[in-house]
Amino acid sequence: MHIDQLLNTSHEFDFITRDEGKIIAGINSDPSWYRAVRAKLQPSGVKIASNSTRYIQSEILAVKMARILNYTDIQVKELVIALETKRSELANSLLTDLNLLH
């Protein structure tokens, strides 16, 4: 499966907690989770309040599928960057359509 195919599977914006993301990703500890996010091996979170961050379930699942398909760390990083870019593009498009972004 190519990165473009994984991108097409990740267009829903259902929020999950860090703990739920860790379970899906198979990561046991908070430090390991944060290292993966900093290294772009897991997608970054979305700040929904001053002290609250959530993750997009479909993005975590796309990374999990890439791991199942034996993607290298370099390929996973490319996927995560593409997922985050697509997230921003979709959000900006929606805001523009709603005339909230000028």
Protein backbone atom coordinates (compact mmCIF):
# COMPACT_ATOMS: atom_id res chain seq x y z
CA MET A 1 0.00 0.00 0.00
CA HIS A 2 1.39 3.40 -1.03
CA ILE A 3 1.40 6.54 1.14
CA ASP A 4 -1.31 8.09 -1.08
CA GLN A 5 -3.61 5.16 -0.33
CA LEU A 6 -3.04 5.54 3.41
CA LEU A 7 -3.74 9.27 3.11
CA ASN A 8 -7.06 8.55 1.45
CA THR A 9 -8.10 6.36 4.38
CA SER A 10 -7.49 9.11 6.93
CA HIS A 11 -9.95 11.90 6.32
CA GLU A 12 -12.17 11.64 9.38
CA PHE A 13 -11.57 13.89 12.37
CA ASP A 14 -12.66 11.80 15.35
CA PHE A 15 -10.71 12.90 18.41
CA ILE A 16 -9.16 10.43 20.84
CA THR A 17 -7.09 10.90 23.97
CA ARG A 18 -3.36 10.31 24.19
CA ASP A 19 -4.00 7.10 26.15
CA GLU A 20 -6.35 5.83 23.44
CA GLY A 21 -3.77 6.74 20.79
CA LYS A 22 -1.05 4.90 22.70
CA ILE A 23 -3.21 1.78 22.85
CA ILE A 24 -3.89 1.87 19.10
CA ALA A 25 -0.22 2.50 18.33
CA GLY A 26 1.02 -0.15 20.75
CA ILE A 27 3.07 2.35 22.72
CA ASN A 28 3.21 1.72 26.47
CA SER A 29 4.68 4.83 28.05
CA ASP A 30 4.11 8.57 27.83
CA PRO A 31 7.80 9.32 27.19
CA SER A 32 7.84 6.86 24.29
CA TRP A 33 4.68 8.46 22.88
CA TYR A 34 6.13 11.98 23.07
CA ARG A 35 9.43 10.84 21.51
CA ALA A 36 7.48 9.30 18.60
CA VAL A 37 5.47 12.51 18.12
CA ARG A 38 8.61 14.69 18.22
CA ALA A 39 10.32 12.37 15.74
CA LYS A 40 7.25 12.56 13.44
CA LEU A 41 6.67 8.81 13.86
CA GLN A 42 3.20 9.58 15.26
CA PRO A 43 0.99 12.52 14.27
CA SER A 44 0.92 15.58 16.50
CA GLY A 45 -2.11 16.38 18.57
CA VAL A 46 -4.74 19.06 18.19
CA LYS A 47 -4.98 21.58 21.02
CA ILE A 48 -8.68 21.77 21.92
CA ALA A 49 -8.23 23.82 25.11
CA SER A 50 -5.37 25.40 27.03
CA ASN A 51 -4.57 22.15 28.88
CA SER A 52 -6.14 19.61 26.55
CA THR A 53 -4.78 17.91 23.44
CA ARG A 54 -6.51 15.25 21.37
CA TYR A 55 -5.31 13.10 18.50
CA ILE A 56 -7.08 12.19 15.26
CA GLN A 57 -7.97 8.52 15.31
CA SER A 58 -7.75 7.99 11.54
CA GLU A 59 -4.20 9.38 11.50
CA ILE A 60 -3.07 7.04 14.27
CA LEU A 61 -4.71 4.14 12.43
CA ALA A 62 -2.95 5.10 9.16
CA VAL A 63 0.42 4.97 10.95
CA LYS A 64 -0.50 1.63 12.49
CA MET A 65 -1.36 0.27 9.03
CA ALA A 66 1.98 1.56 7.71
CA ARG A 67 3.76 -0.30 10.52
CA ILE A 68 1.80 -3.46 9.73
CA LEU A 69 2.96 -3.07 6.12
CA ASN A 70 6.59 -2.84 7.33
CA TYR A 71 7.16 0.79 6.41
CA THR A 72 10.56 2.06 7.48
CA ASP A 73 10.87 4.95 9.94
CA ILE A 74 11.67 7.23 6.99
CA GLN A 75 8.47 6.14 5.21
CA VAL A 76 6.41 6.55 8.38
CA LYS A 77 7.84 10.05 8.87
CA GLU A 78 6.87 10.93 5.28
CA LEU A 79 3.38 9.61 5.98
CA VAL A 80 3.00 11.59 9.22
CA ILE A 81 4.14 14.80 7.51
CA ALA A 82 1.67 14.16 4.68
CA LEU A 83 -1.15 13.41 7.16
CA GLU A 84 -0.52 16.63 9.08
CA THR A 85 -0.36 18.62 5.85
CA LYS A 86 -3.61 17.09 4.64
CA ARG A 87 -5.23 17.86 8.02
CA SER A 88 -4.30 21.54 7.69
CA GLU A 89 -5.45 21.72 4.08
CA LEU A 90 -8.82 20.14 4.90
CA ALA A 91 -9.35 22.40 7.90
CA ASN A 92 -8.43 25.53 5.92
CA SER A 93 -10.70 24.47 3.08
CA LEU A 94 -13.61 23.94 5.46
CA LEU A 95 -13.05 27.29 7.17
CA THR A 96 -12.82 29.02 3.80
CA ASP A 97 -16.05 27.35 2.66
CA LEU A 98 -17.73 28.57 5.82
CA ASN A 99 -16.32 32.09 5.22
CA LEU A 100 -14.48 31.94 8.54
CA LEU A 101 -11.03 32.31 7.01
CA HIS A 102 -10.21 35.23 4.76
